[in-house]
mmCIF file of all heavy atoms, coordinates in Angstrom:
data_MODEL
# 
_entry.id   MODEL 
# 
loop_
_atom_site.group_PDB 
_atom_site.id 
_atom_site.type_symbol 
_atom_site.label_atom_id 
_atom_site.label_alt_id 
_atom_site.label_comp_id 
_atom_site.label_asym_id 
_atom_site.label_entity_id 
_atom_site.label_seq_id 
_atom_site.pdbx_PDB_ins_code 
_atom_site.Cartn_x 
_atom_site.Cartn_y 
_atom_site.Cartn_z 
_atom_site.occupancy 
_atom_site.B_iso_or_equiv 
_atom_site.pdbx_formal_charge 
_atom_site.auth_seq_id 
_atom_site.auth_comp_id 
_atom_site.auth_asym_id 
_atom_site.auth_atom_id 
_atom_site.pdbx_PDB_model_num 
ATOM 1   N N   . ALA A 1 1  ? 5.233   0.680  -8.714  1.00 0.00 ? 1  ALA A N   1 
ATOM 2   C CA  . ALA A 1 1  ? 4.248   -0.238 -9.300  1.00 0.00 ? 1  ALA A CA  1 
ATOM 3   C C   . ALA A 1 1  ? 3.605   0.403  -10.528 1.00 0.00 ? 1  ALA A C   1 
ATOM 4   O O   . ALA A 1 1  ? 3.515   1.631  -10.619 1.00 0.00 ? 1  ALA A O   1 
ATOM 5   C CB  . ALA A 1 1  ? 3.167   -0.550 -8.256  1.00 0.00 ? 1  ALA A CB  1 
ATOM 6   N N   . PRO A 1 2  ? 3.153   -0.432 -11.484 1.00 0.00 ? 2  PRO A N   1 
ATOM 7   C CA  . PRO A 1 2  ? 2.400   0.110  -12.632 1.00 0.00 ? 2  PRO A CA  1 
ATOM 8   C C   . PRO A 1 2  ? 1.191   0.896  -12.140 1.00 0.00 ? 2  PRO A C   1 
ATOM 9   O O   . PRO A 1 2  ? 0.713   0.678  -11.027 1.00 0.00 ? 2  PRO A O   1 
ATOM 10  C CB  . PRO A 1 2  ? 1.986   -1.160 -13.387 1.00 0.00 ? 2  PRO A CB  1 
ATOM 11  C CG  . PRO A 1 2  ? 3.001   -2.194 -13.015 1.00 0.00 ? 2  PRO A CG  1 
ATOM 12  C CD  . PRO A 1 2  ? 3.393   -1.880 -11.593 1.00 0.00 ? 2  PRO A CD  1 
ATOM 13  N N   . ALA A 1 3  ? 0.702   1.772  -12.974 1.00 0.00 ? 3  ALA A N   1 
ATOM 14  C CA  . ALA A 1 3  ? -0.327  2.721  -12.562 1.00 0.00 ? 3  ALA A CA  1 
ATOM 15  C C   . ALA A 1 3  ? -1.544  2.057  -11.933 1.00 0.00 ? 3  ALA A C   1 
ATOM 16  O O   . ALA A 1 3  ? -2.051  2.502  -10.888 1.00 0.00 ? 3  ALA A O   1 
ATOM 17  C CB  . ALA A 1 3  ? -0.754  3.577  -13.768 1.00 0.00 ? 3  ALA A CB  1 
ATOM 18  N N   . ASP A 1 4  ? -2.065  0.964  -12.561 1.00 0.00 ? 4  ASP A N   1 
ATOM 19  C CA  . ASP A 1 4  ? -3.258  0.319  -12.027 1.00 0.00 ? 4  ASP A CA  1 
ATOM 20  C C   . ASP A 1 4  ? -3.028  -0.300 -10.660 1.00 0.00 ? 4  ASP A C   1 
ATOM 21  O O   . ASP A 1 4  ? -3.874  -0.216 -9.760  1.00 0.00 ? 4  ASP A O   1 
ATOM 22  C CB  . ASP A 1 4  ? -3.800  -0.717 -13.009 1.00 0.00 ? 4  ASP A CB  1 
ATOM 23  C CG  . ASP A 1 4  ? -2.777  -1.809 -13.320 1.00 0.00 ? 4  ASP A CG  1 
ATOM 24  O OD1 . ASP A 1 4  ? -1.565  -1.523 -13.220 1.00 0.00 ? 4  ASP A OD1 1 
ATOM 25  O OD2 . ASP A 1 4  ? -3.181  -2.934 -13.651 1.00 0.00 ? 4  ASP A OD2 1 
ATOM 26  N N   . VAL A 1 5  ? -1.820  -0.867 -10.469 1.00 0.00 ? 5  VAL A N   1 
ATOM 27  C CA  . VAL A 1 5  ? -1.474  -1.475 -9.180  1.00 0.00 ? 5  VAL A CA  1 
ATOM 28  C C   . VAL A 1 5  ? -1.286  -0.383 -8.113  1.00 0.00 ? 5  VAL A C   1 
ATOM 29  O O   . VAL A 1 5  ? -1.758  -0.489 -6.987  1.00 0.00 ? 5  VAL A O   1 
ATOM 30  C CB  . VAL A 1 5  ? -0.223  -2.357 -9.278  1.00 0.00 ? 5  VAL A CB  1 
ATOM 31  C CG1 . VAL A 1 5  ? 0.136   -2.952 -7.909  1.00 0.00 ? 5  VAL A CG1 1 
ATOM 32  C CG2 . VAL A 1 5  ? -0.448  -3.469 -10.299 1.00 0.00 ? 5  VAL A CG2 1 
ATOM 33  N N   . ALA A 1 6  ? -0.592  0.697  -8.514  1.00 0.00 ? 6  ALA A N   1 
ATOM 34  C CA  . ALA A 1 6  ? -0.366  1.800  -7.583  1.00 0.00 ? 6  ALA A CA  1 
ATOM 35  C C   . ALA A 1 6  ? -1.699  2.404  -7.123  1.00 0.00 ? 6  ALA A C   1 
ATOM 36  O O   . ALA A 1 6  ? -1.869  2.707  -5.937  1.00 0.00 ? 6  ALA A O   1 
ATOM 37  C CB  . ALA A 1 6  ? 0.509   2.872  -8.245  1.00 0.00 ? 6  ALA A CB  1 
ATOM 38  N N   . GLN A 1 7  ? -2.636  2.564  -8.050  1.00 0.00 ? 7  GLN A N   1 
ATOM 39  C CA  . GLN A 1 7  ? -3.938  3.107  -7.678  1.00 0.00 ? 7  GLN A CA  1 
ATOM 40  C C   . GLN A 1 7  ? -4.693  2.186  -6.749  1.00 0.00 ? 7  GLN A C   1 
ATOM 41  O O   . GLN A 1 7  ? -5.360  2.629  -5.800  1.00 0.00 ? 7  GLN A O   1 
ATOM 42  C CB  . GLN A 1 7  ? -4.757  3.360  -8.954  1.00 0.00 ? 7  GLN A CB  1 
ATOM 43  C CG  . GLN A 1 7  ? -4.220  4.516  -9.808  1.00 0.00 ? 7  GLN A CG  1 
ATOM 44  C CD  . GLN A 1 7  ? -4.842  4.552  -11.191 1.00 0.00 ? 7  GLN A CD  1 
ATOM 45  O OE1 . GLN A 1 7  ? -5.811  3.844  -11.480 1.00 0.00 ? 7  GLN A OE1 1 
ATOM 46  N NE2 . GLN A 1 7  ? -4.267  5.377  -12.076 1.00 0.00 ? 7  GLN A NE2 1 
ATOM 47  N N   . LEU A 1 8  ? -4.573  0.865  -6.974  1.00 0.00 ? 8  LEU A N   1 
ATOM 48  C CA  . LEU A 1 8  ? -5.211  -0.102 -6.089  1.00 0.00 ? 8  LEU A CA  1 
ATOM 49  C C   . LEU A 1 8  ? -4.639  0.005  -4.668  1.00 0.00 ? 8  LEU A C   1 
ATOM 50  O O   . LEU A 1 8  ? -5.387  0.040  -3.685  1.00 0.00 ? 8  LEU A O   1 
ATOM 51  C CB  . LEU A 1 8  ? -5.026  -1.523 -6.630  1.00 0.00 ? 8  LEU A CB  1 
ATOM 52  C CG  . LEU A 1 8  ? -5.452  -2.658 -5.700  1.00 0.00 ? 8  LEU A CG  1 
ATOM 53  C CD1 . LEU A 1 8  ? -6.961  -2.667 -5.517  1.00 0.00 ? 8  LEU A CD1 1 
ATOM 54  C CD2 . LEU A 1 8  ? -4.968  -4.006 -6.245  1.00 0.00 ? 8  LEU A CD2 1 
ATOM 55  N N   . LEU A 1 9  ? -3.317  0.065  -4.558  1.00 0.00 ? 9  LEU A N   1 
ATOM 56  C CA  . LEU A 1 9  ? -2.659  0.150  -3.244  1.00 0.00 ? 9  LEU A CA  1 
ATOM 57  C C   . LEU A 1 9  ? -3.039  1.436  -2.536  1.00 0.00 ? 9  LEU A C   1 
ATOM 58  O O   . LEU A 1 9  ? -3.293  1.434  -1.320  1.00 0.00 ? 9  LEU A O   1 
ATOM 59  C CB  . LEU A 1 9  ? -1.147  0.046  -3.416  1.00 0.00 ? 9  LEU A CB  1 
ATOM 60  C CG  . LEU A 1 9  ? -0.613  -1.256 -4.019  1.00 0.00 ? 9  LEU A CG  1 
ATOM 61  C CD1 . LEU A 1 9  ? 0.897   -1.168 -4.188  1.00 0.00 ? 9  LEU A CD1 1 
ATOM 62  C CD2 . LEU A 1 9  ? -0.980  -2.461 -3.160  1.00 0.00 ? 9  LEU A CD2 1 
ATOM 63  N N   . GLU A 1 10 ? -3.088  2.534  -3.252  1.00 0.00 ? 10 GLU A N   1 
ATOM 64  C CA  . GLU A 1 10 ? -3.452  3.810  -2.641  1.00 0.00 ? 10 GLU A CA  1 
ATOM 65  C C   . GLU A 1 10 ? -4.912  3.825  -2.203  1.00 0.00 ? 10 GLU A C   1 
ATOM 66  O O   . GLU A 1 10 ? -5.273  4.444  -1.200  1.00 0.00 ? 10 GLU A O   1 
ATOM 67  C CB  . GLU A 1 10 ? -3.163  4.941  -3.637  1.00 0.00 ? 10 GLU A CB  1 
ATOM 68  C CG  . GLU A 1 10 ? -1.658  5.196  -3.818  1.00 0.00 ? 10 GLU A CG  1 
ATOM 69  C CD  . GLU A 1 10 ? -1.356  6.154  -4.957  1.00 0.00 ? 10 GLU A CD  1 
ATOM 70  O OE1 . GLU A 1 10 ? -2.330  6.528  -5.677  1.00 0.00 ? 10 GLU A OE1 1 
ATOM 71  O OE2 . GLU A 1 10 ? -0.194  6.515  -5.152  1.00 0.00 ? 10 GLU A OE2 1 
ATOM 72  N N   . ARG A 1 11 ? -5.745  3.081  -2.938  1.00 0.00 ? 11 ARG A N   1 
ATOM 73  C CA  . ARG A 1 11 ? -7.165  3.018  -2.563  1.00 0.00 ? 11 ARG A CA  1 
ATOM 74  C C   . ARG A 1 11 ? -7.347  2.311  -1.217  1.00 0.00 ? 11 ARG A C   1 
ATOM 75  O O   . ARG A 1 11 ? -8.191  2.698  -0.409  1.00 0.00 ? 11 ARG A O   1 
ATOM 76  C CB  . ARG A 1 11 ? -7.956  2.298  -3.671  1.00 0.00 ? 11 ARG A CB  1 
ATOM 77  C CG  . ARG A 1 11 ? -9.416  2.064  -3.345  1.00 0.00 ? 11 ARG A CG  1 
ATOM 78  C CD  . ARG A 1 11 ? -10.245 1.933  -4.623  1.00 0.00 ? 11 ARG A CD  1 
ATOM 79  N NE  . ARG A 1 11 ? -9.735  0.865  -5.477  1.00 0.00 ? 11 ARG A NE  1 
ATOM 80  C CZ  . ARG A 1 11 ? -10.111 -0.429 -5.356  1.00 0.00 ? 11 ARG A CZ  1 
ATOM 81  N NH1 . ARG A 1 11 ? -10.938 -0.779 -4.403  1.00 0.00 ? 11 ARG A NH1 1 
ATOM 82  N NH2 . ARG A 1 11 ? -9.635  -1.320 -6.193  1.00 0.00 ? 11 ARG A NH2 1 
ATOM 83  N N   . TYR A 1 12 ? -6.542  1.277  -0.978  1.00 0.00 ? 12 TYR A N   1 
ATOM 84  C CA  . TYR A 1 12 ? -6.639  0.563  0.290   1.00 0.00 ? 12 TYR A CA  1 
ATOM 85  C C   . TYR A 1 12 ? -5.897  1.278  1.414   1.00 0.00 ? 12 TYR A C   1 
ATOM 86  O O   . TYR A 1 12 ? -6.157  1.051  2.586   1.00 0.00 ? 12 TYR A O   1 
ATOM 87  C CB  . TYR A 1 12 ? -6.123  -0.864 0.135   1.00 0.00 ? 12 TYR A CB  1 
ATOM 88  C CG  . TYR A 1 12 ? -7.191  -1.803 -0.406  1.00 0.00 ? 12 TYR A CG  1 
ATOM 89  C CD1 . TYR A 1 12 ? -7.322  -2.041 -1.764  1.00 0.00 ? 12 TYR A CD1 1 
ATOM 90  C CD2 . TYR A 1 12 ? -8.073  -2.438 0.466   1.00 0.00 ? 12 TYR A CD2 1 
ATOM 91  C CE1 . TYR A 1 12 ? -8.314  -2.861 -2.251  1.00 0.00 ? 12 TYR A CE1 1 
ATOM 92  C CE2 . TYR A 1 12 ? -9.056  -3.283 -0.009  1.00 0.00 ? 12 TYR A CE2 1 
ATOM 93  C CZ  . TYR A 1 12 ? -9.182  -3.498 -1.372  1.00 0.00 ? 12 TYR A CZ  1 
ATOM 94  O OH  . TYR A 1 12 ? -10.162 -4.327 -1.845  1.00 0.00 ? 12 TYR A OH  1 
ATOM 95  N N   . GLY A 1 13 ? -4.975  2.157  1.048   1.00 0.00 ? 13 GLY A N   1 
ATOM 96  C CA  . GLY A 1 13 ? -4.323  3.006  2.044   1.00 0.00 ? 13 GLY A CA  1 
ATOM 97  C C   . GLY A 1 13 ? -3.009  2.463  2.552   1.00 0.00 ? 13 GLY A C   1 
ATOM 98  O O   . GLY A 1 13 ? -2.819  1.256  2.706   1.00 0.00 ? 13 GLY A O   1 
ATOM 99  N N   . LEU A 1 14 ? -2.084  3.387  2.837   1.00 0.00 ? 14 LEU A N   1 
ATOM 100 C CA  . LEU A 1 14 ? -0.770  3.006  3.325   1.00 0.00 ? 14 LEU A CA  1 
ATOM 101 C C   . LEU A 1 14 ? -0.788  2.348  4.693   1.00 0.00 ? 14 LEU A C   1 
ATOM 102 O O   . LEU A 1 14 ? -0.011  1.422  4.937   1.00 0.00 ? 14 LEU A O   1 
ATOM 103 C CB  . LEU A 1 14 ? 0.156   4.242  3.339   1.00 0.00 ? 14 LEU A CB  1 
ATOM 104 C CG  . LEU A 1 14 ? 0.450   4.870  1.971   1.00 0.00 ? 14 LEU A CG  1 
ATOM 105 C CD1 . LEU A 1 14 ? 1.381   6.076  2.135   1.00 0.00 ? 14 LEU A CD1 1 
ATOM 106 C CD2 . LEU A 1 14 ? 1.074   3.843  1.023   1.00 0.00 ? 14 LEU A CD2 1 
ATOM 107 N N   . PRO A 1 15 ? -1.649  2.783  5.638   1.00 0.00 ? 15 PRO A N   1 
ATOM 108 C CA  . PRO A 1 15 ? -1.660  2.092  6.939   1.00 0.00 ? 15 PRO A CA  1 
ATOM 109 C C   . PRO A 1 15 ? -1.947  0.591  6.817   1.00 0.00 ? 15 PRO A C   1 
ATOM 110 O O   . PRO A 1 15 ? -1.350  -0.225 7.523   1.00 0.00 ? 15 PRO A O   1 
ATOM 111 C CB  . PRO A 1 15 ? -2.779  2.818  7.700   1.00 0.00 ? 15 PRO A CB  1 
ATOM 112 C CG  . PRO A 1 15 ? -2.790  4.213  7.103   1.00 0.00 ? 15 PRO A CG  1 
ATOM 113 C CD  . PRO A 1 15 ? -2.504  3.988  5.662   1.00 0.00 ? 15 PRO A CD  1 
ATOM 114 N N   . MET A 1 16 ? -2.868  0.192  5.912   1.00 0.00 ? 16 MET A N   1 
ATOM 115 C CA  . MET A 1 16 ? -3.131  -1.224 5.742   1.00 0.00 ? 16 MET A CA  1 
ATOM 116 C C   . MET A 1 16 ? -1.920  -1.943 5.173   1.00 0.00 ? 16 MET A C   1 
ATOM 117 O O   . MET A 1 16 ? -1.578  -3.064 5.591   1.00 0.00 ? 16 MET A O   1 
ATOM 118 C CB  . MET A 1 16 ? -4.325  -1.430 4.801   1.00 0.00 ? 16 MET A CB  1 
ATOM 119 C CG  . MET A 1 16 ? -4.804  -2.882 4.767   1.00 0.00 ? 16 MET A CG  1 
ATOM 120 S SD  . MET A 1 16 ? -5.548  -3.431 3.231   1.00 0.00 ? 16 MET A SD  1 
ATOM 121 C CE  . MET A 1 16 ? -4.078  -3.739 2.225   1.00 0.00 ? 16 MET A CE  1 
ATOM 122 N N   . LEU A 1 17 ? -1.232  -1.320 4.218   1.00 0.00 ? 17 LEU A N   1 
ATOM 123 C CA  . LEU A 1 17 ? -0.046  -1.929 3.633   1.00 0.00 ? 17 LEU A CA  1 
ATOM 124 C C   . LEU A 1 17 ? 1.051   -2.097 4.675   1.00 0.00 ? 17 LEU A C   1 
ATOM 125 O O   . LEU A 1 17 ? 1.739   -3.130 4.728   1.00 0.00 ? 17 LEU A O   1 
ATOM 126 C CB  . LEU A 1 17 ? 0.471   -1.078 2.460   1.00 0.00 ? 17 LEU A CB  1 
ATOM 127 C CG  . LEU A 1 17 ? -0.457  -0.917 1.261   1.00 0.00 ? 17 LEU A CG  1 
ATOM 128 C CD1 . LEU A 1 17 ? 0.182   -0.061 0.193   1.00 0.00 ? 17 LEU A CD1 1 
ATOM 129 C CD2 . LEU A 1 17 ? -0.854  -2.273 0.685   1.00 0.00 ? 17 LEU A CD2 1 
ATOM 130 N N   . GLU A 1 18 ? 1.235   -1.092 5.522   1.00 0.00 ? 18 GLU A N   1 
ATOM 131 C CA  . GLU A 1 18 ? 2.252   -1.164 6.568   1.00 0.00 ? 18 GLU A CA  1 
ATOM 132 C C   . GLU A 1 18 ? 1.979   -2.312 7.536   1.00 0.00 ? 18 GLU A C   1 
ATOM 133 O O   . GLU A 1 18 ? 2.894   -3.000 7.962   1.00 0.00 ? 18 GLU A O   1 
ATOM 134 C CB  . GLU A 1 18 ? 2.343   0.179  7.303   1.00 0.00 ? 18 GLU A CB  1 
ATOM 135 C CG  . GLU A 1 18 ? 2.932   1.284  6.439   1.00 0.00 ? 18 GLU A CG  1 
ATOM 136 C CD  . GLU A 1 18 ? 2.650   2.686  6.979   1.00 0.00 ? 18 GLU A CD  1 
ATOM 137 O OE1 . GLU A 1 18 ? 1.999   2.807  8.023   1.00 0.00 ? 18 GLU A OE1 1 
ATOM 138 O OE2 . GLU A 1 18 ? 3.087   3.662  6.326   1.00 0.00 ? 18 GLU A OE2 1 
ATOM 139 N N   . GLU A 1 19 ? 0.711   -2.512 7.856   1.00 0.00 ? 19 GLU A N   1 
ATOM 140 C CA  . GLU A 1 19 ? 0.357   -3.624 8.743   1.00 0.00 ? 19 GLU A CA  1 
ATOM 141 C C   . GLU A 1 19 ? 0.516   -4.952 8.041   1.00 0.00 ? 19 GLU A C   1 
ATOM 142 O O   . GLU A 1 19 ? 1.004   -5.923 8.632   1.00 0.00 ? 19 GLU A O   1 
ATOM 143 C CB  . GLU A 1 19 ? -1.073  -3.460 9.249   1.00 0.00 ? 19 GLU A CB  1 
ATOM 144 C CG  . GLU A 1 19 ? -1.241  -2.361 10.269  1.00 0.00 ? 19 GLU A CG  1 
ATOM 145 C CD  . GLU A 1 19 ? -2.575  -2.446 11.016  1.00 0.00 ? 19 GLU A CD  1 
ATOM 146 O OE1 . GLU A 1 19 ? -3.430  -3.255 10.598  1.00 0.00 ? 19 GLU A OE1 1 
ATOM 147 O OE2 . GLU A 1 19 ? -2.739  -1.707 12.000  1.00 0.00 ? 19 GLU A OE2 1 
ATOM 148 N N   . LEU A 1 20 ? 0.122   -5.023 6.783   1.00 0.00 ? 20 LEU A N   1 
ATOM 149 C CA  . LEU A 1 20 ? 0.215   -6.276 6.039   1.00 0.00 ? 20 LEU A CA  1 
ATOM 150 C C   . LEU A 1 20 ? 1.687   -6.673 5.816   1.00 0.00 ? 20 LEU A C   1 
ATOM 151 O O   . LEU A 1 20 ? 2.039   -7.843 5.957   1.00 0.00 ? 20 LEU A O   1 
ATOM 152 C CB  . LEU A 1 20 ? -0.490  -6.128 4.688   1.00 0.00 ? 20 LEU A CB  1 
ATOM 153 C CG  . LEU A 1 20 ? -0.446  -7.354 3.759   1.00 0.00 ? 20 LEU A CG  1 
ATOM 154 C CD1 . LEU A 1 20 ? -1.094  -8.569 4.426   1.00 0.00 ? 20 LEU A CD1 1 
ATOM 155 C CD2 . LEU A 1 20 ? -1.147  -7.029 2.434   1.00 0.00 ? 20 LEU A CD2 1 
ATOM 156 N N   . PHE A 1 21 ? 2.529   -5.701 5.502   1.00 0.00 ? 21 PHE A N   1 
ATOM 157 C CA  . PHE A 1 21 ? 3.944   -5.987 5.265   1.00 0.00 ? 21 PHE A CA  1 
ATOM 158 C C   . PHE A 1 21 ? 4.742   -6.063 6.583   1.00 0.00 ? 21 PHE A C   1 
ATOM 159 O O   . PHE A 1 21 ? 5.872   -6.512 6.585   1.00 0.00 ? 21 PHE A O   1 
ATOM 160 C CB  . PHE A 1 21 ? 4.575   -4.908 4.380   1.00 0.00 ? 21 PHE A CB  1 
ATOM 161 C CG  . PHE A 1 21 ? 3.890   -4.723 3.039   1.00 0.00 ? 21 PHE A CG  1 
ATOM 162 C CD1 . PHE A 1 21 ? 3.930   -3.485 2.399   1.00 0.00 ? 21 PHE A CD1 1 
ATOM 163 C CD2 . PHE A 1 21 ? 3.198   -5.760 2.439   1.00 0.00 ? 21 PHE A CD2 1 
ATOM 164 C CE1 . PHE A 1 21 ? 3.298   -3.290 1.176   1.00 0.00 ? 21 PHE A CE1 1 
ATOM 165 C CE2 . PHE A 1 21 ? 2.562   -5.573 1.208   1.00 0.00 ? 21 PHE A CE2 1 
ATOM 166 C CZ  . PHE A 1 21 ? 2.621   -4.335 0.580   1.00 0.00 ? 21 PHE A CZ  1 
ATOM 167 N N   . ILE A 1 22 ? 4.125   -5.603 7.677   1.00 0.00 ? 22 ILE A N   1 
ATOM 168 C CA  . ILE A 1 22 ? 4.763   -5.519 9.008   1.00 0.00 ? 22 ILE A CA  1 
ATOM 169 C C   . ILE A 1 22 ? 6.034   -4.675 8.912   1.00 0.00 ? 22 ILE A C   1 
ATOM 170 O O   . ILE A 1 22 ? 7.146   -5.103 9.235   1.00 0.00 ? 22 ILE A O   1 
ATOM 171 C CB  . ILE A 1 22 ? 5.062   -6.911 9.597   1.00 0.00 ? 22 ILE A CB  1 
ATOM 172 C CG1 . ILE A 1 22 ? 3.834   -7.836 9.425   1.00 0.00 ? 22 ILE A CG1 1 
ATOM 173 C CG2 . ILE A 1 22 ? 5.437   -6.810 11.063  1.00 0.00 ? 22 ILE A CG2 1 
ATOM 174 C CD1 . ILE A 1 22 ? 4.043   -9.232 9.948   1.00 0.00 ? 22 ILE A CD1 1 
ATOM 175 N N   . VAL A 1 23 ? 5.870   -3.443 8.416   1.00 0.00 ? 23 VAL A N   1 
ATOM 176 C CA  . VAL A 1 23 ? 6.986   -2.502 8.278   1.00 0.00 ? 23 VAL A CA  1 
ATOM 177 C C   . VAL A 1 23 ? 6.615   -1.178 8.958   1.00 0.00 ? 23 VAL A C   1 
ATOM 178 O O   . VAL A 1 23 ? 5.457   -0.945 9.291   1.00 0.00 ? 23 VAL A O   1 
ATOM 179 C CB  . VAL A 1 23 ? 7.337   -2.262 6.790   1.00 0.00 ? 23 VAL A CB  1 
ATOM 180 C CG1 . VAL A 1 23 ? 7.814   -3.549 6.144   1.00 0.00 ? 23 VAL A CG1 1 
ATOM 181 C CG2 . VAL A 1 23 ? 6.139   -1.679 6.036   1.00 0.00 ? 23 VAL A CG2 1 
ATOM 182 N N   . ALA A 1 24 ? 7.631   -0.339 9.132   1.00 0.00 ? 24 ALA A N   1 
ATOM 183 C CA  . ALA A 1 24 ? 7.395   0.967  9.786   1.00 0.00 ? 24 ALA A CA  1 
ATOM 184 C C   . ALA A 1 24 ? 6.629   1.926  8.880   1.00 0.00 ? 24 ALA A C   1 
ATOM 185 O O   . ALA A 1 24 ? 5.649   2.538  9.311   1.00 0.00 ? 24 ALA A O   1 
ATOM 186 C CB  . ALA A 1 24 ? 8.741   1.577  10.205  1.00 0.00 ? 24 ALA A CB  1 
ATOM 187 N N   . THR A 1 25 ? 7.097   2.066  7.657   1.00 0.00 ? 25 THR A N   1 
ATOM 188 C CA  . THR A 1 25 ? 6.427   2.976  6.712   1.00 0.00 ? 25 THR A CA  1 
ATOM 189 C C   . THR A 1 25 ? 6.429   2.363  5.321   1.00 0.00 ? 25 THR A C   1 
ATOM 190 O O   . THR A 1 25 ? 7.258   1.509  5.000   1.00 0.00 ? 25 THR A O   1 
ATOM 191 C CB  . THR A 1 25 ? 7.147   4.346  6.639   1.00 0.00 ? 25 THR A CB  1 
ATOM 192 O OG1 . THR A 1 25 ? 8.487   4.159  6.151   1.00 0.00 ? 25 THR A OG1 1 
ATOM 193 C CG2 . THR A 1 25 ? 7.178   5.027  7.998   1.00 0.00 ? 25 THR A CG2 1 
ATOM 194 N N   . ALA A 1 26 ? 5.498   2.814  4.514   1.00 0.00 ? 26 ALA A N   1 
ATOM 195 C CA  . ALA A 1 26 ? 5.432   2.396  3.126   1.00 0.00 ? 26 ALA A CA  1 
ATOM 196 C C   . ALA A 1 26 ? 4.988   3.581  2.262   1.00 0.00 ? 26 ALA A C   1 
ATOM 197 O O   . ALA A 1 26 ? 4.181   4.411  2.714   1.00 0.00 ? 26 ALA A O   1 
ATOM 198 C CB  . ALA A 1 26 ? 4.464   1.238  2.945   1.00 0.00 ? 26 ALA A CB  1 
# 
């Protein structure tokens, strides 16, 4: 992801992304 998007995703944390995407790891 572009830098601003990557920073946003990292701010919310990988565990939240994994739950939102319903995947094992992100």
